[in-house]
Amino acid sequence: LALGVTIVHPVDLDGDDADDLVASAHLEGAVYALHGPLAPGVIDRTQAISELVPHGAFPAVDLAVGTAGFGRALVVGTPGEPEEACSAAGAPVVLGLPLPATGRLDEVAQTRVVGLDPFSCPGAMVAFTDLTGDGVDDLVIVSTRAGAWLFFGPIGAGDLDAANADLMVPAASGTYGGYLGTQALVLDFDDDGDRDPDPG
């Protein structure tokens, strides 16, 4: 099962002011959302309020919550390791909150990130963060083999083409030479009051 490769908590999925939990099941091929408040004890997957199955054989392993042009949103990344998991199985998608009860991620998403080489592990790390300091969340997509793409918000519905990204950070050794990393930091490295992206 490998449930909980990535867990997002706390997040209010359904607007009831109670924290909910979102977890990816790496080998099962699903993303589960559990309604809070959660009681102590064993949680069964049948308690999930949402069960989202990715397109293809492998599930998402990175999740992040932020605000898009259509409201609160969950961005879902695709596998970063092992390399065999990086295939046409998926590309990053953005879903509005609350999540739909079920469905394939690529079919229920408000936004899809397209134009990324599926074999470069696109979306191994995803994040919503305000990079430009305008109070609006921007979208960061990291590929382990190709680089990182930054899309300035607000992120609207429809497809985002990687070719039109506002900023692209290439992998140090070229498109397929070495790994850029599977995590990223966004903080003020140069002490100028602005947060700077550092794809790990």
N, C-alpha and C. Protein backbone atom coordinates (compact mmCIF):
# COMPACT_ATOMS: atom_id res chain seq x y z
N LEU A 1 0.83 -1.21 0.00
CA LEU A 1 0.00 0.00 0.00
C LEU A 1 0.86 1.26 0.00
N ALA A 2 1.85 1.35 0.90
CA ALA A 2 2.69 2.54 1.02
C ALA A 2 1.85 3.79 1.14
N LEU A 3 0.84 3.74 2.00
CA LEU A 3 -0.03 4.90 2.20
C LEU A 3 0.73 5.99 2.92
N GLY A 4 0.55 7.20 2.47
CA GLY A 4 1.16 8.32 3.16
C GLY A 4 2.55 8.65 2.69
N VAL A 5 2.87 8.36 1.42
CA VAL A 5 4.14 8.83 0.88
C VAL A 5 4.22 10.33 1.02
N THR A 6 3.10 11.01 0.79
CA THR A 6 2.98 12.43 1.08
C THR A 6 1.67 12.66 1.79
N ILE A 7 1.70 13.44 2.84
CA ILE A 7 0.50 13.77 3.60
C ILE A 7 0.40 15.28 3.73
N VAL A 8 -0.77 15.83 3.43
CA VAL A 8 -1.03 17.24 3.63
C VAL A 8 -2.02 17.36 4.79
N HIS A 9 -1.60 18.01 5.86
CA HIS A 9 -2.44 18.20 7.03
C HIS A 9 -1.81 19.30 7.87
N PRO A 10 -2.56 20.25 8.41
CA PRO A 10 -4.01 20.35 8.31
C PRO A 10 -4.45 21.14 7.09
N VAL A 11 -5.60 20.78 6.56
CA VAL A 11 -6.23 21.55 5.50
C VAL A 11 -7.74 21.32 5.59
N ASP A 12 -8.49 22.40 5.47
CA ASP A 12 -9.94 22.31 5.51
C ASP A 12 -10.43 22.11 4.09
N LEU A 13 -10.77 20.87 3.75
CA LEU A 13 -11.18 20.54 2.39
C LEU A 13 -12.59 20.99 2.06
N ASP A 14 -13.46 20.94 3.05
CA ASP A 14 -14.88 21.12 2.77
C ASP A 14 -15.49 22.36 3.39
N GLY A 15 -14.66 23.25 3.94
CA GLY A 15 -15.16 24.53 4.42
C GLY A 15 -15.94 24.48 5.72
N ASP A 16 -15.72 23.42 6.54
CA ASP A 16 -16.45 23.33 7.80
C ASP A 16 -15.60 23.75 8.99
N ASP A 17 -14.42 24.34 8.71
CA ASP A 17 -13.49 24.82 9.73
C ASP A 17 -12.84 23.69 10.53
N ALA A 18 -12.99 22.45 10.09
CA ALA A 18 -12.32 21.31 10.73
C ALA A 18 -11.18 20.85 9.83
N ASP A 19 -10.03 20.54 10.44
CA ASP A 19 -8.88 20.07 9.66
C ASP A 19 -9.14 18.69 9.09
N ASP A 20 -8.82 18.53 7.81
CA ASP A 20 -8.92 17.25 7.13
C ASP A 20 -7.52 16.78 6.75
N LEU A 21 -7.42 15.55 6.29
CA LEU A 21 -6.14 14.96 5.94
C LEU A 21 -6.18 14.44 4.51
N VAL A 22 -5.10 14.73 3.75
CA VAL A 22 -4.96 14.20 2.39
C VAL A 22 -3.69 13.38 2.33
N ALA A 23 -3.77 12.17 1.80
CA ALA A 23 -2.59 11.30 1.72
C ALA A 23 -2.58 10.57 0.39
N SER A 24 -1.38 10.38 -0.15
CA SER A 24 -1.24 9.59 -1.38
C SER A 24 -0.86 8.17 -1.01
N ALA A 25 -1.43 7.22 -1.73
CA ALA A 25 -1.09 5.81 -1.56
C ALA A 25 -0.22 5.42 -2.74
N HIS A 26 1.08 5.33 -2.52
CA HIS A 26 2.06 5.25 -3.61
C HIS A 26 1.86 4.03 -4.50
N LEU A 27 1.70 2.86 -3.92
CA LEU A 27 1.61 1.64 -4.71
C LEU A 27 0.18 1.29 -5.09
N GLU A 28 -0.77 1.82 -4.35
CA GLU A 28 -2.15 1.49 -4.63
C GLU A 28 -2.70 2.31 -5.79
N GLY A 29 -2.12 3.46 -6.04
CA GLY A 29 -2.57 4.29 -7.14
C GLY A 29 -3.78 5.11 -6.79
N ALA A 30 -3.73 5.80 -5.65
CA ALA A 30 -4.87 6.61 -5.25
C ALA A 30 -4.42 7.74 -4.35
N VAL A 31 -5.25 8.77 -4.30
CA VAL A 31 -5.09 9.86 -3.35
C VAL A 31 -6.35 9.88 -2.49
N TYR A 32 -6.18 9.79 -1.16
CA TYR A 32 -7.30 9.72 -0.25
C TYR A 32 -7.45 11.02 0.54
N ALA A 33 -8.68 11.43 0.75
CA ALA A 33 -8.97 12.56 1.62
C ALA A 33 -9.88 12.08 2.74
N LEU A 34 -9.49 12.40 3.98
CA LEU A 34 -10.23 11.96 5.16
C LEU A 34 -10.79 13.17 5.89
N HIS A 35 -12.07 13.10 6.22
CA HIS A 35 -12.76 14.21 6.84
C HIS A 35 -12.44 14.30 8.33
N GLY A 36 -12.11 15.51 8.80
CA GLY A 36 -11.84 15.73 10.21
C GLY A 36 -13.05 16.30 10.94
N PRO A 37 -12.98 16.38 12.28
CA PRO A 37 -11.81 16.02 13.09
C PRO A 37 -11.62 14.50 13.18
N LEU A 38 -10.35 14.07 13.13
CA LEU A 38 -10.04 12.64 13.16
C LEU A 38 -9.89 12.17 14.60
N ALA A 39 -10.52 11.05 14.90
CA ALA A 39 -10.46 10.48 16.24
C ALA A 39 -9.23 9.58 16.36
N PRO A 40 -8.72 9.41 17.58
CA PRO A 40 -7.59 8.48 17.77
C PRO A 40 -7.99 7.07 17.36
N GLY A 41 -7.00 6.31 16.87
CA GLY A 41 -7.27 4.94 16.49
C GLY A 41 -6.86 4.66 15.06
N VAL A 42 -7.27 3.53 14.57
CA VAL A 42 -6.93 3.09 13.22
C VAL A 42 -7.91 3.70 12.22
N ILE A 43 -7.36 4.28 11.16
CA ILE A 43 -8.20 4.85 10.11
C ILE A 43 -8.24 3.88 8.94
N ASP A 44 -9.43 3.51 8.52
CA ASP A 44 -9.60 2.62 7.39
C ASP A 44 -9.83 3.44 6.13
N ARG A 45 -9.28 2.98 5.01
CA ARG A 45 -9.42 3.75 3.78
C ARG A 45 -10.87 3.91 3.36
N THR A 46 -11.76 3.03 3.85
CA THR A 46 -13.17 3.15 3.49
C THR A 46 -13.80 4.38 4.14
N GLN A 47 -13.10 5.00 5.10
CA GLN A 47 -13.59 6.22 5.72
C GLN A 47 -13.31 7.46 4.87
N ALA A 48 -12.56 7.30 3.79
CA ALA A 48 -12.17 8.44 2.98
C ALA A 48 -13.39 9.12 2.36
N ILE A 49 -13.36 10.46 2.34
CA ILE A 49 -14.44 11.20 1.69
C ILE A 49 -14.15 11.38 0.20
N SER A 50 -12.90 11.18 -0.19
CA SER A 50 -12.53 11.24 -1.60
C SER A 50 -11.54 10.13 -1.90
N GLU A 51 -11.65 9.53 -3.07
CA GLU A 51 -10.68 8.54 -3.54
C GLU A 51 -10.41 8.86 -5.01
N LEU A 52 -9.29 9.53 -5.25
CA LEU A 52 -8.96 10.01 -6.58
C LEU A 52 -7.87 9.12 -7.17
N VAL A 53 -8.15 8.50 -8.28
CA VAL A 53 -7.21 7.58 -8.92
C VAL A 53 -6.50 8.31 -10.05
N PRO A 54 -5.16 8.36 -10.03
CA PRO A 54 -4.43 9.05 -11.10
C PRO A 54 -4.58 8.35 -12.43
N HIS A 55 -4.24 9.07 -13.47
CA HIS A 55 -4.21 8.51 -14.82
C HIS A 55 -2.95 7.65 -14.95
N GLY A 56 -3.10 6.40 -15.31
CA GLY A 56 -1.96 5.53 -15.47
C GLY A 56 -1.72 4.68 -14.24
N ALA A 57 -0.54 4.08 -14.17
CA ALA A 57 -0.28 3.05 -13.18
C ALA A 57 0.24 3.57 -11.84
N PHE A 58 0.78 4.79 -11.81
CA PHE A 58 1.43 5.24 -10.59
C PHE A 58 0.72 6.46 -10.02
N PRO A 59 0.64 6.55 -8.69
CA PRO A 59 -0.05 7.65 -8.06
C PRO A 59 0.85 8.86 -7.88
N ALA A 60 0.26 9.91 -7.40
CA ALA A 60 1.02 11.09 -7.03
C ALA A 60 1.80 10.83 -5.74
N VAL A 61 2.92 11.51 -5.59
CA VAL A 61 3.66 11.41 -4.34
C VAL A 61 3.90 12.76 -3.70
N ASP A 62 3.53 13.85 -4.35
CA ASP A 62 3.68 15.16 -3.71
C ASP A 62 2.39 15.94 -3.85
N LEU A 63 2.00 16.57 -2.77
CA LEU A 63 0.76 17.31 -2.69
C LEU A 63 1.01 18.64 -2.01
N ALA A 64 0.29 19.67 -2.41
CA ALA A 64 0.41 20.97 -1.75
C ALA A 64 -0.90 21.73 -1.90
N VAL A 65 -1.22 22.52 -0.90
CA VAL A 65 -2.46 23.29 -0.90
C VAL A 65 -2.14 24.77 -1.02
N GLY A 66 -2.94 25.48 -1.79
CA GLY A 66 -2.77 26.91 -1.94
C GLY A 66 -4.03 27.53 -2.49
N THR A 67 -3.89 28.71 -3.08
CA THR A 67 -5.03 29.43 -3.63
C THR A 67 -4.80 29.68 -5.12
N ALA A 68 -5.74 29.26 -5.92
CA ALA A 68 -5.70 29.49 -7.37
C ALA A 68 -6.73 30.56 -7.72
N GLY A 69 -6.82 30.89 -9.01
CA GLY A 69 -7.76 31.90 -9.44
C GLY A 69 -9.20 31.50 -9.21
N PHE A 70 -9.46 30.20 -9.08
CA PHE A 70 -10.82 29.71 -8.86
C PHE A 70 -11.07 29.37 -7.40
N GLY A 71 -10.15 29.72 -6.49
CA GLY A 71 -10.34 29.48 -5.07
C GLY A 71 -9.29 28.55 -4.49
N ARG A 72 -9.57 28.02 -3.31
CA ARG A 72 -8.63 27.11 -2.67
C ARG A 72 -8.41 25.89 -3.55
N ALA A 73 -7.17 25.39 -3.56
CA ALA A 73 -6.84 24.34 -4.52
C ALA A 73 -5.79 23.40 -3.96
N LEU A 74 -5.77 22.19 -4.48
CA LEU A 74 -4.77 21.18 -4.18
C LEU A 74 -4.01 20.88 -5.45
N VAL A 75 -2.68 21.04 -5.42
CA VAL A 75 -1.86 20.66 -6.57
C VAL A 75 -1.29 19.28 -6.29
N VAL A 76 -1.35 18.40 -7.27
CA VAL A 76 -0.94 17.01 -7.13
C VAL A 76 0.21 16.74 -8.10
N GLY A 77 1.34 16.28 -7.58
CA GLY A 77 2.50 15.97 -8.40
C GLY A 77 2.52 14.51 -8.80
N THR A 78 3.55 14.13 -9.54
CA THR A 78 3.67 12.76 -10.02
C THR A 78 4.95 12.14 -9.47
N PRO A 79 5.16 10.84 -9.63
CA PRO A 79 6.27 10.18 -8.97
C PRO A 79 7.63 10.74 -9.36
N GLY A 80 8.54 10.76 -8.40
CA GLY A 80 9.91 11.16 -8.67
C GLY A 80 10.86 9.99 -8.64
N GLU A 81 10.61 9.00 -7.85
CA GLU A 81 11.45 7.81 -7.74
C GLU A 81 10.53 6.61 -7.54
N PRO A 82 10.85 5.42 -8.00
CA PRO A 82 12.01 5.12 -8.84
C PRO A 82 11.81 5.64 -10.24
N GLU A 83 12.87 5.66 -11.02
CA GLU A 83 12.80 6.22 -12.37
C GLU A 83 11.75 5.52 -13.22
N GLU A 84 11.56 4.22 -12.97
CA GLU A 84 10.59 3.48 -13.77
C GLU A 84 9.18 4.03 -13.59
N ALA A 85 8.95 4.73 -12.47
CA ALA A 85 7.62 5.27 -12.23
C ALA A 85 7.36 6.53 -13.04
N CYS A 86 8.41 7.10 -13.61
CA CYS A 86 8.26 8.33 -14.37
C CYS A 86 7.88 7.96 -15.80
N SER A 87 6.63 8.08 -16.10
CA SER A 87 6.15 7.67 -17.41
C SER A 87 4.99 8.56 -17.80
N ALA A 88 4.32 8.18 -18.84
CA ALA A 88 3.16 8.95 -19.27
C ALA A 88 1.99 8.80 -18.32
N ALA A 89 2.26 8.22 -17.14
CA ALA A 89 1.20 8.01 -16.16
C ALA A 89 0.61 9.31 -15.67
N GLY A 90 1.30 10.42 -15.82
CA GLY A 90 0.67 11.62 -15.33
C GLY A 90 1.51 12.86 -15.49
N ALA A 91 0.90 13.98 -15.20
CA ALA A 91 1.54 15.27 -15.13
C ALA A 91 0.84 16.02 -14.02
N PRO A 92 1.46 17.06 -13.47
CA PRO A 92 0.84 17.77 -12.35
C PRO A 92 -0.54 18.32 -12.71
N VAL A 93 -1.43 18.25 -11.74
CA VAL A 93 -2.78 18.78 -11.92
C VAL A 93 -3.17 19.59 -10.69
N VAL A 94 -4.11 20.51 -10.88
CA VAL A 94 -4.61 21.36 -9.80
C VAL A 94 -6.11 21.13 -9.69
N LEU A 95 -6.57 20.80 -8.50
CA LEU A 95 -7.98 20.52 -8.25
C LEU A 95 -8.54 21.56 -7.28
N GLY A 96 -9.76 21.98 -7.52
CA GLY A 96 -10.42 22.89 -6.60
C GLY A 96 -10.88 22.19 -5.35
N LEU A 97 -10.94 22.92 -4.24
CA LEU A 97 -11.44 22.39 -2.97
C LEU A 97 -12.85 22.91 -2.72
N PRO A 98 -13.76 22.07 -2.16
CA PRO A 98 -13.50 20.71 -1.70
C PRO A 98 -13.29 19.75 -2.87
N LEU A 99 -12.59 18.65 -2.59
CA LEU A 99 -12.28 17.67 -3.62
C LEU A 99 -13.54 16.93 -4.06
N PRO A 100 -13.59 16.52 -5.32
CA PRO A 100 -14.68 15.63 -5.74
C PRO A 100 -14.57 14.30 -5.03
N ALA A 101 -15.67 13.57 -4.98
CA ALA A 101 -15.70 12.33 -4.21
C ALA A 101 -14.83 11.25 -4.84
N THR A 102 -14.79 11.20 -6.15
CA THR A 102 -14.02 10.17 -6.82
C THR A 102 -13.74 10.61 -8.25
N GLY A 103 -12.92 9.85 -8.94
CA GLY A 103 -12.62 10.16 -10.33
C GLY A 103 -11.14 10.10 -10.61
N ARG A 104 -10.80 10.22 -11.89
CA ARG A 104 -9.42 10.25 -12.31
C ARG A 104 -8.92 11.68 -12.23
N LEU A 105 -7.70 11.85 -11.72
CA LEU A 105 -7.17 13.18 -11.49
C LEU A 105 -7.20 14.05 -12.74
N ASP A 106 -6.84 13.48 -13.89
CA ASP A 106 -6.77 14.29 -15.09
C ASP A 106 -8.15 14.68 -15.60
N GLU A 107 -9.19 13.98 -15.14
CA GLU A 107 -10.54 14.27 -15.59
C GLU A 107 -11.27 15.24 -14.69
N VAL A 108 -10.91 15.30 -13.42
CA VAL A 108 -11.61 16.17 -12.48
C VAL A 108 -10.81 17.44 -12.18
N ALA A 109 -9.62 17.57 -12.75
CA ALA A 109 -8.77 18.73 -12.47
C ALA A 109 -9.28 19.98 -13.16
N GLN A 110 -9.14 21.12 -12.46
CA GLN A 110 -9.42 22.41 -13.09
C GLN A 110 -8.27 22.84 -14.00
N THR A 111 -7.05 22.45 -13.61
CA THR A 111 -5.85 22.87 -14.34
C THR A 111 -4.92 21.68 -14.52
N ARG A 112 -4.37 21.53 -15.72
CA ARG A 112 -3.34 20.52 -15.98
C ARG A 112 -2.09 21.23 -16.48
N VAL A 113 -0.93 20.73 -16.05
CA VAL A 113 0.33 21.25 -16.55
C VAL A 113 0.77 20.34 -17.69
N VAL A 114 0.87 20.89 -18.88
CA VAL A 114 1.17 20.10 -20.07
C VAL A 114 2.50 20.55 -20.66
N GLY A 115 2.99 19.77 -21.62
CA GLY A 115 4.22 20.12 -22.30
C GLY A 115 5.48 19.68 -21.59
N LEU A 116 5.33 18.88 -20.52
CA LEU A 116 6.49 18.36 -19.79
C LEU A 116 6.79 16.96 -20.28
N ASP A 117 8.07 16.63 -20.42
CA ASP A 117 8.46 15.29 -20.81
C ASP A 117 8.04 14.31 -19.71
N PRO A 118 7.13 13.39 -19.98
CA PRO A 118 6.65 12.51 -18.91
C PRO A 118 7.73 11.62 -18.32
N PHE A 119 8.81 11.38 -19.07
CA PHE A 119 9.86 10.51 -18.57
C PHE A 119 10.90 11.27 -17.74
N SER A 120 10.67 12.56 -17.51
CA SER A 120 11.58 13.35 -16.68
C SER A 120 11.06 13.50 -15.26
N CYS A 121 10.02 12.74 -14.92
CA CYS A 121 9.41 12.80 -13.58
C CYS A 121 8.86 14.18 -13.27
N PRO A 122 7.99 14.73 -14.11
CA PRO A 122 7.45 16.05 -13.84
C PRO A 122 6.56 16.05 -12.61
N GLY A 123 6.72 17.03 -11.77
CA GLY A 123 5.90 17.11 -10.59
C GLY A 123 6.38 16.27 -9.44
N ALA A 124 7.68 15.90 -9.44
CA ALA A 124 8.22 15.16 -8.30
C ALA A 124 8.11 16.00 -7.03
N MET A 125 8.15 17.33 -7.18
CA MET A 125 7.88 18.25 -6.09
C MET A 125 6.97 19.34 -6.62
N VAL A 126 5.93 19.66 -5.88
CA VAL A 126 5.02 20.73 -6.26
C VAL A 126 4.80 21.63 -5.06
N ALA A 127 4.51 22.90 -5.33
CA ALA A 127 4.29 23.84 -4.22
C ALA A 127 3.48 25.03 -4.71
N PHE A 128 2.66 25.55 -3.82
CA PHE A 128 2.05 26.86 -3.98
C PHE A 128 2.78 27.81 -3.04
N THR A 129 3.27 28.93 -3.55
CA THR A 129 3.93 29.91 -2.69
C THR A 129 3.94 31.25 -3.42
N ASP A 130 3.94 32.33 -2.67
CA ASP A 130 3.95 33.67 -3.25
C ASP A 130 5.40 34.09 -3.52
N LEU A 131 5.87 33.87 -4.75
CA LEU A 131 7.25 34.19 -5.10
C LEU A 131 7.44 35.65 -5.46
N THR A 132 6.38 36.30 -5.91
CA THR A 132 6.52 37.66 -6.41
C THR A 132 6.13 38.72 -5.38
N GLY A 133 5.64 38.29 -4.22
CA GLY A 133 5.29 39.23 -3.16
C GLY A 133 4.05 40.06 -3.43
N ASP A 134 3.19 39.56 -4.33
CA ASP A 134 1.98 40.31 -4.65
C ASP A 134 0.76 39.80 -3.89
N GLY A 135 0.99 38.86 -2.96
CA GLY A 135 -0.11 38.32 -2.18
C GLY A 135 -0.88 37.22 -2.88
N VAL A 136 -0.40 36.78 -4.03
CA VAL A 136 -1.07 35.74 -4.82
C VAL A 136 -0.16 34.52 -4.91
N ASP A 137 -0.72 33.34 -4.70
CA ASP A 137 0.08 32.11 -4.77
C ASP A 137 0.54 31.83 -6.19
N ASP A 138 1.83 31.50 -6.34
CA ASP A 138 2.40 31.04 -7.60
C ASP A 138 2.60 29.53 -7.51
N LEU A 139 2.77 28.90 -8.67
CA LEU A 139 2.88 27.44 -8.73
C LEU A 139 4.29 27.03 -9.13
N VAL A 140 4.90 26.12 -8.35
CA VAL A 140 6.23 25.61 -8.61
C VAL A 140 6.12 24.12 -8.95
N ILE A 141 6.70 23.72 -10.07
CA ILE A 141 6.72 22.32 -10.50
C ILE A 141 8.18 21.92 -10.69
N VAL A 142 8.63 20.85 -10.03
CA VAL A 142 10.01 20.39 -10.15
C VAL A 142 10.04 19.01 -10.80
N SER A 143 10.89 18.86 -11.80
CA SER A 143 11.17 17.57 -12.43
C SER A 143 12.55 17.12 -11.99
N THR A 144 12.69 15.85 -11.64
CA THR A 144 13.99 15.38 -11.16
C THR A 144 15.04 15.34 -12.26
N ARG A 145 14.61 15.27 -13.52
CA ARG A 145 15.57 15.10 -14.60
C ARG A 145 15.70 16.31 -15.52
N ALA A 146 14.75 17.22 -15.50
CA ALA A 146 14.75 18.30 -16.49
C ALA A 146 14.91 19.69 -15.89
N GLY A 147 14.33 19.94 -14.73
CA GLY A 147 14.42 21.27 -14.16
C GLY A 147 13.19 21.64 -13.36
N ALA A 148 12.97 22.93 -13.22
CA ALA A 148 11.82 23.43 -12.47
C ALA A 148 11.13 24.51 -13.27
N TRP A 149 9.81 24.58 -13.14
CA TRP A 149 8.99 25.57 -13.84
C TRP A 149 8.20 26.36 -12.83
N LEU A 150 8.15 27.68 -12.99
CA LEU A 150 7.41 28.55 -12.11
C LEU A 150 6.35 29.27 -12.93
N PHE A 151 5.12 29.18 -12.45
CA PHE A 151 4.00 29.86 -13.08
C PHE A 151 3.47 30.90 -12.10
N PHE A 152 3.50 32.17 -12.48
CA PHE A 152 3.03 33.21 -11.59
C PHE A 152 1.51 33.20 -11.52
N GLY A 153 0.98 33.37 -10.30
CA GLY A 153 -0.46 33.35 -10.09
C GLY A 153 -1.11 34.69 -10.40
N PRO A 154 -2.45 34.69 -10.40
CA PRO A 154 -3.29 33.55 -10.01
C PRO A 154 -3.37 32.48 -11.08
N ILE A 155 -3.37 31.22 -10.64
CA ILE A 155 -3.45 30.07 -11.54
C ILE A 155 -4.91 29.85 -11.91
N GLY A 156 -5.21 29.96 -13.19
CA GLY A 156 -6.59 29.81 -13.63
C GLY A 156 -6.91 28.40 -14.08
N ALA A 157 -8.14 28.18 -14.49
CA ALA A 157 -8.55 26.88 -14.99
C ALA A 157 -8.02 26.69 -16.41
N GLY A 158 -7.90 25.44 -16.83
CA GLY A 158 -7.39 25.13 -18.15
C GLY A 158 -5.96 24.64 -18.10
N ASP A 159 -5.36 24.47 -19.26
CA ASP A 159 -4.01 23.91 -19.33
C ASP A 159 -2.95 25.00 -19.15
N LEU A 160 -1.88 24.63 -18.42
CA LEU A 160 -0.68 25.46 -18.32
C LEU A 160 0.40 24.78 -19.14
N ASP A 161 0.91 25.44 -20.15
CA ASP A 161 1.94 24.86 -21.01
C ASP A 161 3.30 25.21 -20.45
N ALA A 162 4.13 24.19 -20.25
CA ALA A 162 5.48 24.42 -19.71
C ALA A 162 6.27 25.38 -20.58
N ALA A 163 5.99 25.40 -21.89
CA ALA A 163 6.71 26.29 -22.79
C ALA A 163 6.42 27.75 -22.49
N ASN A 164 5.32 28.02 -21.80
CA ASN A 164 4.94 29.39 -21.47
C ASN A 164 5.15 29.72 -20.00
N ALA A 165 5.95 28.90 -19.31
CA ALA A 165 6.22 29.16 -17.88
C ALA A 165 6.88 30.52 -17.72
N ASP A 166 6.59 31.19 -16.60
CA ASP A 166 7.18 32.50 -16.33
C ASP A 166 8.66 32.41 -16.02
N LEU A 167 9.09 31.27 -15.49
CA LEU A 167 10.50 31.07 -15.18
C LEU A 167 10.80 29.58 -15.26
N MET A 168 11.93 29.23 -15.88
CA MET A 168 12.35 27.84 -15.95
C MET A 168 13.78 27.75 -15.43
N VAL A 169 14.01 26.83 -14.50
CA VAL A 169 15.34 26.59 -13.93
C VAL A 169 15.80 25.23 -14.45
N PRO A 170 16.76 25.18 -15.40
CA PRO A 170 17.17 23.89 -15.97
C PRO A 170 18.00 23.08 -14.99
N ALA A 171 18.00 21.76 -15.19
CA ALA A 171 18.89 20.90 -14.41
C ALA A 171 20.33 21.25 -14.74
N ALA A 172 21.21 21.13 -13.77
CA ALA A 172 22.59 21.61 -13.92
C ALA A 172 23.34 20.93 -15.05
N SER A 173 23.04 19.65 -15.30
CA SER A 173 23.82 18.89 -16.28
C SER A 173 23.07 18.65 -17.58
N GLY A 174 22.02 19.39 -17.81
CA GLY A 174 21.26 19.21 -19.04
C GLY A 174 20.00 18.43 -18.82
N THR A 175 19.22 18.28 -19.86
CA THR A 175 17.89 17.70 -19.74
C THR A 175 17.89 16.33 -19.09
N TYR A 176 18.83 15.46 -19.47
CA TYR A 176 18.85 14.13 -18.89
C TYR A 176 20.17 13.83 -18.20
N GLY A 177 20.90 14.84 -17.82
CA GLY A 177 22.16 14.60 -17.14
C GLY A 177 22.04 14.88 -15.66
N GLY A 178 21.97 13.85 -14.86
CA GLY A 178 21.91 14.04 -13.42
C GLY A 178 20.52 14.45 -12.96
N TYR A 179 20.41 14.67 -11.65
CA TYR A 179 19.13 14.98 -11.05
C TYR A 179 19.16 16.38 -10.47
N LEU A 180 18.06 17.08 -10.66
CA LEU A 180 17.93 18.41 -10.07
C LEU A 180 17.60 18.30 -8.59
N GLY A 181 16.80 17.32 -8.23
CA GLY A 181 16.37 17.17 -6.85
C GLY A 181 14.89 16.87 -6.80
N THR A 182 14.44 16.43 -5.65
CA THR A 182 13.03 16.09 -5.50
C THR A 182 12.34 16.97 -4.49
N GLN A 183 13.03 17.98 -3.98
CA GLN A 183 12.42 18.91 -3.07
C GLN A 183 12.92 20.31 -3.39
N ALA A 184 12.23 21.30 -2.88
CA ALA A 184 12.65 22.68 -3.11
C ALA A 184 12.36 23.51 -1.87
N LEU A 185 13.14 24.56 -1.71
CA LEU A 185 12.94 25.52 -0.64
C LEU A 185 12.59 26.86 -1.26
N VAL A 186 11.70 27.60 -0.61
CA VAL A 186 11.41 28.95 -1.02
C VAL A 186 11.56 29.83 0.20
N LEU A 187 12.65 30.58 0.24
CA LEU A 187 12.90 31.47 1.37
C LEU A 187 13.81 32.60 0.92
N ASP A 188 14.07 33.56 1.81
CA ASP A 188 14.85 34.73 1.46
C ASP A 188 16.33 34.43 1.65
N PHE A 189 17.01 33.99 0.58
CA PHE A 189 18.42 33.63 0.67
C PHE A 189 19.34 34.85 0.77
N ASP A 190 18.97 35.95 0.09
CA ASP A 190 19.87 37.09 0.01
C ASP A 190 19.47 38.25 0.93
N ASP A 191 18.50 38.00 1.82
CA ASP A 191 18.12 38.97 2.85
C ASP A 191 17.66 40.30 2.25
N ASP A 192 16.95 40.22 1.11
CA ASP A 192 16.45 41.45 0.50
C ASP A 192 14.95 41.66 0.74
N GLY A 193 14.39 40.77 1.57
CA GLY A 193 12.97 40.87 1.88
C GLY A 193 12.08 40.09 0.95
N ASP A 194 12.65 39.49 -0.10
CA ASP A 194 11.86 38.69 -1.04
C ASP A 194 12.26 37.22 -0.94
N ARG A 195 11.29 36.34 -1.09
CA ARG A 195 11.59 34.91 -1.05
C ARG A 195 12.13 34.44 -2.39
N ASP A 196 13.14 33.57 -2.34
CA ASP A 196 13.82 33.10 -3.54
C ASP A 196 13.62 31.60 -3.66
N PRO A 197 13.34 31.09 -4.88
CA PRO A 197 13.18 29.64 -5.04
C PRO A 197 14.53 28.94 -5.13
N ASP A 198 14.63 27.78 -4.50
CA ASP A 198 15.84 26.97 -4.57
C ASP A 198 15.44 25.54 -4.87
N PRO A 199 15.23 25.17 -6.15
CA PRO A 199 14.91 23.77 -6.45
C PRO A 199 16.05 22.88 -6.00
N GLY A 200 15.76 21.96 -5.06
CA GLY A 200 16.78 21.15 -4.42
C GLY A 200 17.38 20.13 -5.33
